[in-house]
Amino acid sequence: MMILGPNMNFDGLLVMILLIMFGPAILLAIIGIIVYKKHKKAAKVLFILAALYLIISLGICGALIAGV
């Protein structure tokens, strides 16, 4: 039984990894934009969290994609 065959399609796996990498950061940024007019301090915290999540997820998931 072959685990990895020549005709296997990994598009779904790649999309899932990209959603894990960028999804929460984009969601936090959108929420920050919505909240910005009423609560500027909370919006800044959300923007910082989005940037921090993006930096960490690019490092971890990027290492997974690169195979390091």
PDB file of N, CA and C in Angstrom:
ATOM      1  N   MET A   1       0.841  -1.183   0.000  1.00  0.00           N
ATOM      2  CA  MET A   1       0.000   0.000   0.000  1.00  0.00           C
ATOM      3  C   MET A   1       0.885   1.245   0.000  1.00  0.00           C
ATOM      4  N   MET A   2       0.657   2.123  -0.972  1.00  0.00           N
ATOM      5  CA  MET A   2       1.439   3.351  -1.066  1.00  0.00           C
ATOM      6  C   MET A   2       0.737   4.475  -0.312  1.00  0.00           C
ATOM      7  N   ILE A   3       1.477   5.158   0.519  1.00  0.00           N
ATOM      8  CA  ILE A   3       0.897   6.278   1.258  1.00  0.00           C
ATOM      9  C   ILE A   3       0.847   7.521   0.381  1.00  0.00           C
ATOM     10  N   LEU A   4       1.937   7.810  -0.325  1.00  0.00           N
ATOM     11  CA  LEU A   4       1.988   8.959  -1.222  1.00  0.00           C
ATOM     12  C   LEU A   4       2.130   8.456  -2.653  1.00  0.00           C
ATOM     13  N   GLY A   5       1.079   8.601  -3.417  1.00  0.00           N
ATOM     14  CA  GLY A   5       1.112   8.154  -4.798  1.00  0.00           C
ATOM     15  C   GLY A   5       1.393   9.300  -5.742  1.00  0.00           C
ATOM     16  N   PRO A   6       1.706   9.006  -6.989  1.00  0.00           N
ATOM     17  CA  PRO A   6       2.015  10.063  -7.951  1.00  0.00           C
ATOM     18  C   PRO A   6       0.800  10.894  -8.355  1.00  0.00           C
ATOM     19  N   ASN A   7      -0.409  10.363  -8.154  1.00  0.00           N
ATOM     20  CA  ASN A   7      -1.609  11.086  -8.594  1.00  0.00           C
ATOM     21  C   ASN A   7      -2.383  11.702  -7.436  1.00  0.00           C
ATOM     22  N   MET A   8      -1.723  11.906  -6.296  1.00  0.00           N
ATOM     23  CA  MET A   8      -2.422  12.477  -5.151  1.00  0.00           C
ATOM     24  C   MET A   8      -2.483  13.997  -5.280  1.00  0.00           C
ATOM     25  N   ASN A   9      -3.590  14.572  -4.823  1.00  0.00           N
ATOM     26  CA  ASN A   9      -3.825  16.006  -4.923  1.00  0.00           C
ATOM     27  C   ASN A   9      -3.816  16.618  -3.517  1.00  0.00           C
ATOM     28  N   PHE A  10      -2.912  17.553  -3.283  1.00  0.00           N
ATOM     29  CA  PHE A  10      -2.788  18.181  -1.974  1.00  0.00           C
ATOM     30  C   PHE A  10      -3.267  19.631  -1.969  1.00  0.00           C
ATOM     31  N   ASP A  11      -4.137  19.993  -2.875  1.00  0.00           N
ATOM     32  CA  ASP A  11      -4.642  21.368  -2.939  1.00  0.00           C
ATOM     33  C   ASP A  11      -5.422  21.735  -1.688  1.00  0.00           C
ATOM     34  N   GLY A  12      -6.231  20.827  -1.188  1.00  0.00           N
ATOM     35  CA  GLY A  12      -7.022  21.098   0.012  1.00  0.00           C
ATOM     36  C   GLY A  12      -6.148  21.327   1.225  1.00  0.00           C
ATOM     37  N   LEU A  13      -5.067  20.568   1.330  1.00  0.00           N
ATOM     38  CA  LEU A  13      -4.137  20.747   2.444  1.00  0.00           C
ATOM     39  C   LEU A  13      -3.465  22.112   2.380  1.00  0.00           C
ATOM     40  N   LEU A  14      -3.074  22.529   1.196  1.00  0.00           N
ATOM     41  CA  LEU A  14      -2.445  23.835   1.029  1.00  0.00           C
ATOM     42  C   LEU A  14      -3.416  24.967   1.369  1.00  0.00           C
ATOM     43  N   VAL A  15      -4.653  24.848   0.936  1.00  0.00           N
ATOM     44  CA  VAL A  15      -5.669  25.862   1.260  1.00  0.00           C
ATOM     45  C   VAL A  15      -5.897  25.914   2.763  1.00  0.00           C
ATOM     46  N   MET A  16      -5.928  24.752   3.425  1.00  0.00           N
ATOM     47  CA  MET A  16      -6.137  24.710   4.866  1.00  0.00           C
ATOM     48  C   MET A  16      -4.977  25.374   5.614  1.00  0.00           C
ATOM     49  N   ILE A  17      -3.758  25.127   5.190  1.00  0.00           N
ATOM     50  CA  ILE A  17      -2.605  25.753   5.834  1.00  0.00           C
ATOM     51  C   ILE A  17      -2.634  27.263   5.611  1.00  0.00           C
ATOM     52  N   LEU A  18      -2.990  27.701   4.416  1.00  0.00           N
ATOM     53  CA  LEU A  18      -3.072  29.140   4.150  1.00  0.00           C
ATOM     54  C   LEU A  18      -4.170  29.804   4.977  1.00  0.00           C
ATOM     55  N   LEU A  19      -5.293  29.107   5.174  1.00  0.00           N
ATOM     56  CA  LEU A  19      -6.362  29.658   6.018  1.00  0.00           C
ATOM     57  C   LEU A  19      -5.913  29.764   7.465  1.00  0.00           C
ATOM     58  N   ILE A  20      -5.141  28.789   7.932  1.00  0.00           N
ATOM     59  CA  ILE A  20      -4.630  28.853   9.297  1.00  0.00           C
ATOM     60  C   ILE A  20      -3.619  29.982   9.429  1.00  0.00           C
ATOM     61  N   MET A  21      -2.837  30.215   8.374  1.00  0.00           N
ATOM     62  CA  MET A  21      -1.827  31.266   8.419  1.00  0.00           C
ATOM     63  C   MET A  21      -2.450  32.662   8.412  1.00  0.00           C
ATOM     64  N   PHE A  22      -3.372  32.907   7.508  1.00  0.00           N
ATOM     65  CA  PHE A  22      -3.870  34.267   7.283  1.00  0.00           C
ATOM     66  C   PHE A  22      -5.272  34.529   7.825  1.00  0.00           C
ATOM     67  N   GLY A  23      -6.067  33.511   8.043  1.00  0.00           N
ATOM     68  CA  GLY A  23      -7.468  33.681   8.432  1.00  0.00           C
ATOM     69  C   GLY A  23      -7.683  34.475   9.709  1.00  0.00           C
ATOM     70  N   PRO A  24      -7.125  34.028  10.836  1.00  0.00           N
ATOM     71  CA  PRO A  24      -7.359  34.771  12.083  1.00  0.00           C
ATOM     72  C   PRO A  24      -6.789  36.187  12.064  1.00  0.00           C
ATOM     73  N   ALA A  25      -5.652  36.384  11.408  1.00  0.00           N
ATOM     74  CA  ALA A  25      -5.072  37.727  11.343  1.00  0.00           C
ATOM     75  C   ALA A  25      -5.976  38.671  10.554  1.00  0.00           C
ATOM     76  N   ILE A  26      -6.505  38.196   9.445  1.00  0.00           N
ATOM     77  CA  ILE A  26      -7.426  39.020   8.646  1.00  0.00           C
ATOM     78  C   ILE A  26      -8.705  39.285   9.423  1.00  0.00           C
ATOM     79  N   LEU A  27      -9.205  38.276  10.129  1.00  0.00           N
ATOM     80  CA  LEU A  27     -10.420  38.438  10.921  1.00  0.00           C
ATOM     81  C   LEU A  27     -10.219  39.461  12.041  1.00  0.00           C
ATOM     82  N   LEU A  28      -9.090  39.389  12.743  1.00  0.00           N
ATOM     83  CA  LEU A  28      -8.805  40.366  13.798  1.00  0.00           C
ATOM     84  C   LEU A  28      -8.663  41.779  13.225  1.00  0.00           C
ATOM     85  N   ALA A  29      -8.041  41.899  12.064  1.00  0.00           N
ATOM     86  CA  ALA A  29      -7.900  43.215  11.443  1.00  0.00           C
ATOM     87  C   ALA A  29      -9.255  43.789  11.031  1.00  0.00           C
ATOM     88  N   ILE A  30     -10.129  42.947  10.496  1.00  0.00           N
ATOM     89  CA  ILE A  30     -11.466  43.412  10.106  1.00  0.00           C
ATOM     90  C   ILE A  30     -12.254  43.858  11.332  1.00  0.00           C
ATOM     91  N   ILE A  31     -12.182  43.083  12.405  1.00  0.00           N
ATOM     92  CA  ILE A  31     -12.872  43.469  13.641  1.00  0.00           C
ATOM     93  C   ILE A  31     -12.283  44.771  14.178  1.00  0.00           C
ATOM     94  N   GLY A  32     -10.970  44.929  14.075  1.00  0.00           N
ATOM     95  CA  GLY A  32     -10.331  46.174  14.506  1.00  0.00           C
ATOM     96  C   GLY A  32     -10.801  47.372  13.714  1.00  0.00           C
ATOM     97  N   ILE A  33     -10.982  47.192  12.416  1.00  0.00           N
ATOM     98  CA  ILE A  33     -11.487  48.280  11.575  1.00  0.00           C
ATOM     99  C   ILE A  33     -12.916  48.652  11.972  1.00  0.00           C
ATOM    100  N   ILE A  34     -13.728  47.651  12.256  1.00  0.00           N
ATOM    101  CA  ILE A  34     -15.120  47.902  12.640  1.00  0.00           C
ATOM    102  C   ILE A  34     -15.186  48.622  13.983  1.00  0.00           C
ATOM    103  N   VAL A  35     -14.346  48.214  14.929  1.00  0.00           N
ATOM    104  CA  VAL A  35     -14.390  48.754  16.289  1.00  0.00           C
ATOM    105  C   VAL A  35     -13.681  50.109  16.391  1.00  0.00           C
ATOM    106  N   TYR A  36     -12.879  50.478  15.417  1.00  0.00           N
ATOM    107  CA  TYR A  36     -11.983  51.634  15.497  1.00  0.00           C
ATOM    108  C   TYR A  36     -12.694  52.950  15.817  1.00  0.00           C
ATOM    109  N   LYS A  37     -13.872  53.172  15.280  1.00  0.00           N
ATOM    110  CA  LYS A  37     -14.540  54.469  15.474  1.00  0.00           C
ATOM    111  C   LYS A  37     -14.988  54.686  16.921  1.00  0.00           C
ATOM    112  N   LYS A  38     -15.453  53.615  17.581  1.00  0.00           N
ATOM    113  CA  LYS A  38     -15.964  53.775  18.941  1.00  0.00           C
ATOM    114  C   LYS A  38     -14.888  53.556  20.001  1.00  0.00           C
ATOM    115  N   HIS A  39     -14.045  52.564  19.802  1.00  0.00           N
ATOM    116  CA  HIS A  39     -13.052  52.198  20.815  1.00  0.00           C
ATOM    117  C   HIS A  39     -11.673  52.123  20.166  1.00  0.00           C
ATOM    118  N   LYS A  40     -10.996  53.244  20.130  1.00  0.00           N
ATOM    119  CA  LYS A  40      -9.699  53.313  19.446  1.00  0.00           C
ATOM    120  C   LYS A  40      -8.637  52.459  20.127  1.00  0.00           C
ATOM    121  N   LYS A  41      -8.645  52.425  21.447  1.00  0.00           N
ATOM    122  CA  LYS A  41      -7.635  51.651  22.168  1.00  0.00           C
ATOM    123  C   LYS A  41      -7.832  50.151  21.944  1.00  0.00           C
ATOM    124  N   ALA A  42      -9.062  49.697  21.962  1.00  0.00           N
ATOM    125  CA  ALA A  42      -9.345  48.281  21.721  1.00  0.00           C
ATOM    126  C   ALA A  42      -8.994  47.895  20.285  1.00  0.00           C
ATOM    127  N   ALA A  43      -9.226  48.806  19.354  1.00  0.00           N
ATOM    128  CA  ALA A  43      -8.896  48.536  17.955  1.00  0.00           C
ATOM    129  C   ALA A  43      -7.388  48.409  17.772  1.00  0.00           C
ATOM    130  N   LYS A  44      -6.630  49.258  18.474  1.00  0.00           N
ATOM    131  CA  LYS A  44      -5.172  49.162  18.381  1.00  0.00           C
ATOM    132  C   LYS A  44      -4.673  47.835  18.932  1.00  0.00           C
ATOM    133  N   VAL A  45      -5.282  47.368  19.999  1.00  0.00           N
ATOM    134  CA  VAL A  45      -4.917  46.063  20.561  1.00  0.00           C
ATOM    135  C   VAL A  45      -5.220  44.958  19.562  1.00  0.00           C
ATOM    136  N   LEU A  46      -6.344  45.044  18.893  1.00  0.00           N
ATOM    137  CA  LEU A  46      -6.696  44.041  17.890  1.00  0.00           C
ATOM    138  C   LEU A  46      -5.728  44.064  16.711  1.00  0.00           C
ATOM    139  N   PHE A  47      -5.309  45.254  16.297  1.00  0.00           N
ATOM    140  CA  PHE A  47      -4.334  45.349  15.206  1.00  0.00           C
ATOM    141  C   PHE A  47      -2.993  44.745  15.618  1.00  0.00           C
ATOM    142  N   ILE A  48      -2.582  45.005  16.858  1.00  0.00           N
ATOM    143  CA  ILE A  48      -1.327  44.430  17.345  1.00  0.00           C
ATOM    144  C   ILE A  48      -1.430  42.913  17.423  1.00  0.00           C
ATOM    145  N   LEU A  49      -2.554  42.400  17.896  1.00  0.00           N
ATOM    146  CA  LEU A  49      -2.749  40.946  17.949  1.00  0.00           C
ATOM    147  C   LEU A  49      -2.747  40.327  16.559  1.00  0.00           C
ATOM    148  N   ALA A  50      -3.348  41.020  15.601  1.00  0.00           N
ATOM    149  CA  ALA A  50      -3.363  40.513  14.229  1.00  0.00           C
ATOM    150  C   ALA A  50      -1.950  40.448  13.665  1.00  0.00           C
ATOM    151  N   ALA A  51      -1.152  41.487  13.900  1.00  0.00           N
ATOM    152  CA  ALA A  51       0.228  41.490  13.408  1.00  0.00           C
ATOM    153  C   ALA A  51       1.055  40.422  14.093  1.00  0.00           C
ATOM    154  N   LEU A  52       0.878  40.265  15.399  1.00  0.00           N
ATOM    155  CA  LEU A  52       1.615  39.246  16.143  1.00  0.00           C
ATOM    156  C   LEU A  52       1.242  37.846  15.677  1.00  0.00           C
ATOM    157  N   TYR A  53      -0.045  37.606  15.486  1.00  0.00           N
ATOM    158  CA  TYR A  53      -0.475  36.292  14.995  1.00  0.00           C
ATOM    159  C   TYR A  53       0.086  36.024  13.608  1.00  0.00           C
ATOM    160  N   LEU A  54       0.103  37.037  12.764  1.00  0.00           N
ATOM    161  CA  LEU A  54       0.622  36.865  11.411  1.00  0.00           C
ATOM    162  C   LEU A  54       2.113  36.531  11.431  1.00  0.00           C
ATOM    163  N   ILE A  55       2.874  37.212  12.270  1.00  0.00           N
ATOM    164  CA  ILE A  55       4.311  36.943  12.359  1.00  0.00           C
ATOM    165  C   ILE A  55       4.563  35.526  12.848  1.00  0.00           C
ATOM    166  N   ILE A  56       3.847  35.114  13.892  1.00  0.00           N
ATOM    167  CA  ILE A  56       4.052  33.777  14.438  1.00  0.00           C
ATOM    168  C   ILE A  56       3.574  32.708  13.468  1.00  0.00           C
ATOM    169  N   SER A  57       2.416  32.912  12.858  1.00  0.00           N
ATOM    170  CA  SER A  57       1.895  31.885  11.951  1.00  0.00           C
ATOM    171  C   SER A  57       2.737  31.759  10.688  1.00  0.00           C
ATOM    172  N   LEU A  58       3.277  32.855  10.204  1.00  0.00           N
ATOM    173  CA  LEU A  58       4.162  32.763   9.038  1.00  0.00           C
ATOM    174  C   LEU A  58       5.434  32.002   9.386  1.00  0.00           C
ATOM    175  N   GLY A  59       5.889  32.139  10.603  1.00  0.00           N
ATOM    176  CA  GLY A  59       7.085  31.410  11.010  1.00  0.00           C
ATOM    177  C   GLY A  59       6.817  29.921  11.160  1.00  0.00           C
ATOM    178  N   ILE A  60       5.740  29.552  11.822  1.00  0.00           N
ATOM    179  CA  ILE A  60       5.450  28.137  12.068  1.00  0.00           C
ATOM    180  C   ILE A  60       4.947  27.453  10.803  1.00  0.00           C
ATOM    181  N   CYS A  61       3.922  28.008  10.177  1.00  0.00           N
ATOM    182  CA  CYS A  61       3.362  27.370   8.982  1.00  0.00           C
ATOM    183  C   CYS A  61       4.327  27.491   7.793  1.00  0.00           C
ATOM    184  N   GLY A  62       5.083  28.580   7.756  1.00  0.00           N
ATOM    185  CA  GLY A  62       6.078  28.712   6.697  1.00  0.00           C
ATOM    186  C   GLY A  62       7.144  27.645   6.811  1.00  0.00           C
ATOM    187  N   ALA A  63       7.519  27.306   8.037  1.00  0.00           N
ATOM    188  CA  ALA A  63       8.485  26.223   8.236  1.00  0.00           C
ATOM    189  C   ALA A  63       7.878  24.878   7.826  1.00  0.00           C
ATOM    190  N   LEU A  64       6.600  24.693   8.073  1.00  0.00           N
ATOM    191  CA  LEU A  64       5.931  23.451   7.671  1.00  0.00           C
ATOM    192  C   LEU A  64       5.876  23.329   6.153  1.00  0.00           C
ATOM    193  N   ILE A  65       5.562  24.431   5.478  1.00  0.00           N
ATOM    194  CA  ILE A  65       5.468  24.398   4.027  1.00  0.00           C
ATOM    195  C   ILE A  65       6.857  24.209   3.407  1.00  0.00           C
ATOM    196  N   ALA A  66       7.856  24.875   3.980  1.00  0.00           N
ATOM    197  CA  ALA A  66       9.212  24.777   3.436  1.00  0.00           C
ATOM    198  C   ALA A  66       9.848  23.436   3.734  1.00  0.00           C
ATOM    199  N   GLY A  67       9.354  22.751   4.761  1.00  0.00           N
ATOM    200  CA  GLY A  67       9.905  21.447   5.104  1.00  0.00           C
ATOM    201  C   GLY A  67      11.171  21.522   5.933  1.00  0.00           C
ATOM    202  N   VAL A  68      11.307  22.602   6.692  1.00  0.00           N
ATOM    203  CA  VAL A  68      12.509  22.765   7.524  1.00  0.00           C
ATOM    204  C   VAL A  68      12.326  22.041   8.835  1.00  0.00           C
TER     205      VAL A  68
END
